[in-house]
Amino acid sequence: MRVLCRALEVHPSSYYSWLAAPVSERAETDRSLTGHIKQFWLESGGHSGYRNTHLDMTEAQIICGRDRVLRLMRAAGLRSERGYKRPRGYYSGTPSTLAPNTLDRQFNVERPNQWWVSDITYIHTHEGFLFLAVVIELFARNIVGWSMANRITDDLVLDALTMAYWRRRPSDKVSLHSD
């Protein structure tokens, strides 16, 4: 230990007196507050930052300043999740065949069941991602079919289209536009 003290230019007696000193009251309250902060952060699923964590603590009548919450969260390595990452398996390649864009952003149609549009979106939950496929009929602007699953598969879109078909039962051909 004397070699380390000599390397750090600290007298050994100073080191041993620091080691024997009791924990300060502020360090003790910091430790207690860090426990509360971790609890509120985990309850939010890791989404809340220091501002929302401070509001949660204020609602729970735990008195603490906002900057102190920031300092303790940084010391504990707690960060809010900012934005959403793309889910795994997101296809970003080029499609092998491109269909012509016959809709060409002309969303005003003359009769029902002439155009259906569909899209897939993902919803971030505490348990992971959910994928939602939706089919909208452009004349009435109604959702005519939808499907939700925890993975993007062909069946996700086909289930939404099947629901749309069985609910609307179109007599003529329907054009489908999708991204």
C-alpha atoms as a PDB file:
ATOM      1  CA  MET A   1       0.000   0.000   0.000  1.00  0.00           C
ATOM      2  CA  ARG A   2       2.919   2.330   0.715  1.00  0.00           C
ATOM      3  CA  VAL A   3       4.112   1.921  -2.886  1.00  0.00           C
ATOM      4  CA  LEU A   4       0.710   3.075  -4.196  1.00  0.00           C
ATOM      5  CA  CYS A   5       0.615   5.986  -1.779  1.00  0.00           C
ATOM      6  CA  ARG A   6       4.098   7.020  -2.865  1.00  0.00           C
ATOM      7  CA  ALA A   7       3.105   6.767  -6.548  1.00  0.00           C
ATOM      8  CA  LEU A   8       0.033   8.937  -5.952  1.00  0.00           C
ATOM      9  CA  GLU A   9       1.987  11.314  -3.689  1.00  0.00           C
ATOM     10  CA  VAL A  10      -0.392  10.705  -0.786  1.00  0.00           C
ATOM     11  CA  HIS A  11       0.874  10.174   2.750  1.00  0.00           C
ATOM     12  CA  PRO A  12      -0.126   6.689   4.065  1.00  0.00           C
ATOM     13  CA  SER A  13      -1.661   8.158   7.209  1.00  0.00           C
ATOM     14  CA  SER A  14      -3.963  10.320   5.060  1.00  0.00           C
ATOM     15  CA  TYR A  15      -5.117   7.251   3.165  1.00  0.00           C
ATOM     16  CA  TYR A  16      -5.855   5.286   6.336  1.00  0.00           C
ATOM     17  CA  SER A  17      -7.686   8.201   7.956  1.00  0.00           C
ATOM     18  CA  TRP A  18      -9.818   8.555   4.791  1.00  0.00           C
ATOM     19  CA  LEU A  19     -10.520   4.832   4.869  1.00  0.00           C
ATOM     20  CA  ALA A  20     -11.637   4.928   8.530  1.00  0.00           C
ATOM     21  CA  ALA A  21     -13.794   8.051   8.130  1.00  0.00           C
ATOM     22  CA  PRO A  22     -17.570   7.508   8.330  1.00  0.00           C
ATOM     23  CA  VAL A  23     -19.731   7.927   5.254  1.00  0.00           C
ATOM     24  CA  SER A  24     -21.034  11.475   4.976  1.00  0.00           C
ATOM     25  CA  GLU A  25     -24.721  12.239   5.336  1.00  0.00           C
ATOM     26  CA  ARG A  26     -24.860  13.504   1.751  1.00  0.00           C
ATOM     27  CA  ALA A  27     -23.320  10.295   0.405  1.00  0.00           C
ATOM     28  CA  GLU A  28     -25.868   8.288   2.386  1.00  0.00           C
ATOM     29  CA  THR A  29     -28.808  10.285   1.016  1.00  0.00           C
ATOM     30  CA  ASP A  30     -27.319  10.044  -2.494  1.00  0.00           C
ATOM     31  CA  ARG A  31     -27.264   6.266  -2.132  1.00  0.00           C
ATOM     32  CA  SER A  32     -30.896   6.241  -0.975  1.00  0.00           C
ATOM     33  CA  LEU A  33     -32.002   8.601  -3.754  1.00  0.00           C
ATOM     34  CA  THR A  34     -30.163   6.522  -6.360  1.00  0.00           C
ATOM     35  CA  GLY A  35     -32.226   3.521  -5.286  1.00  0.00           C
ATOM     36  CA  HIS A  36     -35.458   5.490  -5.770  1.00  0.00           C
ATOM     37  CA  ILE A  37     -34.246   6.843  -9.113  1.00  0.00           C
ATOM     38  CA  LYS A  38     -33.426   3.331 -10.366  1.00  0.00           C
ATOM     39  CA  GLN A  39     -36.864   2.137  -9.277  1.00  0.00           C
ATOM     40  CA  PHE A  40     -38.705   4.910 -11.165  1.00  0.00           C
ATOM     41  CA  TRP A  41     -36.430   4.487 -14.203  1.00  0.00           C
ATOM     42  CA  LEU A  42     -37.099   0.735 -14.335  1.00  0.00           C
ATOM     43  CA  GLU A  43     -40.859   1.262 -13.916  1.00  0.00           C
ATOM     44  CA  SER A  44     -40.792   3.488 -17.009  1.00  0.00           C
ATOM     45  CA  GLY A  45     -39.072   0.755 -18.975  1.00  0.00           C
ATOM     46  CA  GLY A  46     -35.896   2.810 -19.229  1.00  0.00           C
ATOM     47  CA  HIS A  47     -37.670   5.530 -21.226  1.00  0.00           C
ATOM     48  CA  SER A  48     -37.797   8.406 -18.763  1.00  0.00           C
ATOM     49  CA  GLY A  49     -34.979  10.894 -18.455  1.00  0.00           C
ATOM     50  CA  TYR A  50     -34.030  13.000 -15.488  1.00  0.00           C
ATOM     51  CA  ARG A  51     -36.934  15.450 -15.915  1.00  0.00           C
ATOM     52  CA  ASN A  52     -39.662  12.789 -15.849  1.00  0.00           C
ATOM     53  CA  THR A  53     -37.855  10.874 -13.118  1.00  0.00           C
ATOM     54  CA  HIS A  54     -37.761  14.089 -11.073  1.00  0.00           C
ATOM     55  CA  LEU A  55     -41.514  14.538 -11.644  1.00  0.00           C
ATOM     56  CA  ASP A  56     -42.132  10.946 -10.522  1.00  0.00           C
ATOM     57  CA  MET A  57     -40.118  11.544  -7.379  1.00  0.00           C
ATOM     58  CA  THR A  58     -41.988  14.791  -6.683  1.00  0.00           C
ATOM     59  CA  GLU A  59     -45.319  12.956  -7.039  1.00  0.00           C
ATOM     60  CA  ALA A  60     -44.048  10.338  -4.596  1.00  0.00           C
ATOM     61  CA  GLN A  61     -43.101  13.198  -2.219  1.00  0.00           C
ATOM     62  CA  ILE A  62     -39.386  12.427  -2.359  1.00  0.00           C
ATOM     63  CA  ILE A  63     -37.675  15.787  -2.091  1.00  0.00           C
ATOM     64  CA  CYS A  64     -34.762  16.212  -4.450  1.00  0.00           C
ATOM     65  CA  GLY A  65     -33.586  18.793  -6.967  1.00  0.00           C
ATOM     66  CA  ARG A  66     -33.704  18.192 -10.704  1.00  0.00           C
ATOM     67  CA  ASP A  67     -29.970  18.722 -11.166  1.00  0.00           C
ATOM     68  CA  ARG A  68     -29.254  16.245  -8.378  1.00  0.00           C
ATOM     69  CA  VAL A  69     -31.394  13.652 -10.160  1.00  0.00           C
ATOM     70  CA  LEU A  70     -29.388  14.354 -13.316  1.00  0.00           C
ATOM     71  CA  ARG A  71     -26.074  13.937 -11.471  1.00  0.00           C
ATOM     72  CA  LEU A  72     -27.141  10.711  -9.764  1.00  0.00           C
ATOM     73  CA  MET A  73     -28.542   9.242 -13.000  1.00  0.00           C
ATOM     74  CA  ARG A  74     -25.266   9.987 -14.769  1.00  0.00           C
ATOM     75  CA  ALA A  75     -23.276   8.439 -11.924  1.00  0.00           C
ATOM     76  CA  ALA A  76     -25.470   5.304 -12.039  1.00  0.00           C
ATOM     77  CA  GLY A  77     -25.236   5.102 -15.841  1.00  0.00           C
ATOM     78  CA  LEU A  78     -28.994   5.493 -16.347  1.00  0.00           C
ATOM     79  CA  ARG A  79     -29.960   7.075 -19.659  1.00  0.00           C
ATOM     80  CA  SER A  80     -33.319   7.539 -21.287  1.00  0.00           C
ATOM     81  CA  GLU A  81     -34.033   5.725 -24.512  1.00  0.00           C
ATOM     82  CA  ARG A  82     -34.214   8.406 -27.159  1.00  0.00           C
ATOM     83  CA  GLY A  83     -35.987   7.586 -30.388  1.00  0.00           C
ATOM     84  CA  TYR A  84     -36.614   4.107 -31.578  1.00  0.00           C
ATOM     85  CA  LYS A  85     -34.210   1.788 -33.253  1.00  0.00           C
ATOM     86  CA  ARG A  86     -35.363  -0.098 -36.274  1.00  0.00           C
ATOM     87  CA  PRO A  87     -36.406  -3.589 -35.345  1.00  0.00           C
ATOM     88  CA  ARG A  88     -34.172  -6.474 -36.275  1.00  0.00           C
ATOM     89  CA  GLY A  89     -34.791  -7.969 -39.676  1.00  0.00           C
ATOM     90  CA  TYR A  90     -35.792  -4.669 -41.260  1.00  0.00           C
ATOM     91  CA  TYR A  91     -35.377  -5.119 -45.003  1.00  0.00           C
ATOM     92  CA  SER A  92     -33.433  -2.280 -46.559  1.00  0.00           C
ATOM     93  CA  GLY A  93     -32.389  -3.827 -49.865  1.00  0.00           C
ATOM     94  CA  THR A  94     -33.735  -3.033 -53.272  1.00  0.00           C
ATOM     95  CA  PRO A  95     -36.840  -4.878 -54.445  1.00  0.00           C
ATOM     96  CA  SER A  96     -36.366  -7.277 -57.300  1.00  0.00           C
ATOM     97  CA  THR A  97     -39.358  -6.015 -59.291  1.00  0.00           C
ATOM     98  CA  LEU A  98     -41.003  -2.630 -59.207  1.00  0.00           C
ATOM     99  CA  ALA A  99     -44.650  -2.163 -60.058  1.00  0.00           C
ATOM    100  CA  PRO A 100     -45.637   1.111 -61.732  1.00  0.00           C
ATOM    101  CA  ASN A 101     -47.115   3.756 -59.446  1.00  0.00           C
ATOM    102  CA  THR A 102     -50.620   3.947 -60.919  1.00  0.00           C
ATOM    103  CA  LEU A 103     -52.107   5.816 -57.941  1.00  0.00           C
ATOM    104  CA  ASP A 104     -49.527   8.630 -58.303  1.00  0.00           C
ATOM    105  CA  ARG A 105     -50.685  10.368 -55.095  1.00  0.00           C
ATOM    106  CA  GLN A 106     -54.198  10.961 -56.498  1.00  0.00           C
ATOM    107  CA  PHE A 107     -56.099  10.041 -53.355  1.00  0.00           C
ATOM    108  CA  ASN A 108     -59.506  11.302 -54.521  1.00  0.00           C
ATOM    109  CA  VAL A 109     -61.440   8.402 -56.020  1.00  0.00           C
ATOM    110  CA  GLU A 110     -64.907   8.300 -57.622  1.00  0.00           C
ATOM    111  CA  ARG A 111     -66.431   5.121 -56.201  1.00  0.00           C
ATOM    112  CA  PRO A 112     -66.062   2.704 -53.283  1.00  0.00           C
ATOM    113  CA  ASN A 113     -63.678  -0.254 -53.483  1.00  0.00           C
ATOM    114  CA  GLN A 114     -61.712   1.256 -56.335  1.00  0.00           C
ATOM    115  CA  TRP A 115     -58.465   1.742 -54.379  1.00  0.00           C
ATOM    116  CA  TRP A 116     -57.166   0.216 -51.184  1.00  0.00           C
ATOM    117  CA  VAL A 117     -53.892   1.361 -49.648  1.00  0.00           C
ATOM    118  CA  SER A 118     -51.868  -0.582 -47.123  1.00  0.00           C
ATOM    119  CA  ASP A 119     -48.872  -0.065 -44.927  1.00  0.00           C
ATOM    120  CA  ILE A 120     -47.017  -1.673 -42.036  1.00  0.00           C
ATOM    121  CA  THR A 121     -45.895   0.169 -38.941  1.00  0.00           C
ATOM    122  CA  TYR A 122     -44.197  -0.961 -35.798  1.00  0.00           C
ATOM    123  CA  ILE A 123     -45.226  -0.109 -32.268  1.00  0.00           C
ATOM    124  CA  HIS A 124     -42.692  -0.109 -29.458  1.00  0.00           C
ATOM    125  CA  THR A 125     -44.009  -1.677 -26.242  1.00  0.00           C
ATOM    126  CA  HIS A 126     -42.404  -2.676 -22.944  1.00  0.00           C
ATOM    127  CA  GLU A 127     -42.255  -6.263 -24.170  1.00  0.00           C
ATOM    128  CA  GLY A 128     -40.735  -5.505 -27.594  1.00  0.00           C
ATOM    129  CA  PHE A 129     -42.083  -4.534 -30.983  1.00  0.00           C
ATOM    130  CA  LEU A 130     -45.536  -5.198 -32.416  1.00  0.00           C
ATOM    131  CA  PHE A 131     -46.136  -4.894 -36.137  1.00  0.00           C
ATOM    132  CA  LEU A 132     -49.425  -3.573 -37.479  1.00  0.00           C
ATOM    133  CA  ALA A 133     -50.559  -4.000 -41.085  1.00  0.00           C
ATOM    134  CA  VAL A 134     -53.508  -1.822 -42.113  1.00  0.00           C
ATOM    135  CA  VAL A 135     -55.658  -1.687 -45.263  1.00  0.00           C
ATOM    136  CA  ILE A 136     -57.583   1.562 -45.875  1.00  0.00           C
ATOM    137  CA  GLU A 137     -60.346   2.048 -48.451  1.00  0.00           C
ATOM    138  CA  LEU A 138     -59.684   5.433 -50.066  1.00  0.00           C
ATOM    139  CA  PHE A 139     -63.256   6.410 -50.980  1.00  0.00           C
ATOM    140  CA  ALA A 140     -64.629   6.315 -47.435  1.00  0.00           C
ATOM    141  CA  ARG A 141     -61.201   6.635 -45.735  1.00  0.00           C
ATOM    142  CA  ASN A 142     -62.070   3.729 -43.458  1.00  0.00           C
ATOM    143  CA  ILE A 143     -59.846   0.986 -42.155  1.00  0.00           C
ATOM    144  CA  VAL A 144     -61.265  -2.116 -43.756  1.00  0.00           C
ATOM    145  CA  GLY A 145     -58.660  -4.641 -42.640  1.00  0.00           C
ATOM    146  CA  TRP A 146     -55.864  -4.938 -40.137  1.00  0.00           C
ATOM    147  CA  SER A 147     -53.567  -7.499 -38.593  1.00  0.00           C
ATOM    148  CA  MET A 148     -51.070  -7.407 -35.725  1.00  0.00           C
ATOM    149  CA  ALA A 149     -48.169  -9.743 -34.926  1.00  0.00           C
ATOM    150  CA  ASN A 150     -44.834  -9.747 -33.157  1.00  0.00           C
ATOM    151  CA  ARG A 151     -42.937 -10.473 -36.400  1.00  0.00           C
ATOM    152  CA  ILE A 152     -43.183  -9.201 -39.969  1.00  0.00           C
ATOM    153  CA  THR A 153     -44.261 -12.098 -42.125  1.00  0.00           C
ATOM    154  CA  ASP A 154     -46.225 -12.551 -45.327  1.00  0.00           C
ATOM    155  CA  ASP A 155     -49.154 -13.737 -43.224  1.00  0.00           C
ATOM    156  CA  LEU A 156     -49.306 -10.367 -41.452  1.00  0.00           C
ATOM    157  CA  VAL A 157     -50.202  -8.578 -44.685  1.00  0.00           C
ATOM    158  CA  LEU A 158     -52.290 -11.422 -46.076  1.00  0.00           C
ATOM    159  CA  ASP A 159     -54.421 -11.529 -42.921  1.00  0.00           C
ATOM    160  CA  ALA A 160     -55.102  -7.789 -43.226  1.00  0.00           C
ATOM    161  CA  LEU A 161     -56.032  -8.180 -46.904  1.00  0.00           C
ATOM    162  CA  THR A 162     -58.220 -11.193 -46.155  1.00  0.00           C
ATOM    163  CA  MET A 163     -60.064  -9.228 -43.463  1.00  0.00           C
ATOM    164  CA  ALA A 164     -60.564  -6.337 -45.895  1.00  0.00           C
ATOM    165  CA  TYR A 165     -61.889  -8.681 -48.581  1.00  0.00           C
ATOM    166  CA  TRP A 166     -64.340 -10.439 -46.271  1.00  0.00           C
ATOM    167  CA  ARG A 167     -65.600  -7.206 -44.768  1.00  0.00           C
ATOM    168  CA  ARG A 168     -66.095  -5.325 -48.070  1.00  0.00           C
ATOM    169  CA  ARG A 169     -66.701  -8.167 -50.571  1.00  0.00           C
ATOM    170  CA  PRO A 170     -65.810  -6.056 -53.652  1.00  0.00           C
ATOM    171  CA  SER A 171     -67.673  -6.948 -56.860  1.00  0.00           C
ATOM    172  CA  ASP A 172     -65.129  -5.385 -59.247  1.00  0.00           C
ATOM    173  CA  LYS A 173     -61.363  -5.436 -59.287  1.00  0.00           C
ATOM    174  CA  VAL A 174     -59.686  -3.447 -56.528  1.00  0.00           C
ATOM    175  CA  SER A 175     -56.313  -1.791 -56.982  1.00  0.00           C
ATOM    176  CA  LEU A 176     -53.981  -2.065 -54.012  1.00  0.00           C
ATOM    177  CA  HIS A 177     -51.266   0.489 -53.331  1.00  0.00           C
ATOM    178  CA  SER A 178     -48.498  -0.251 -50.845  1.00  0.00           C
ATOM    179  CA  ASP A 179     -45.094   1.237 -50.131  1.00  0.00           C
END
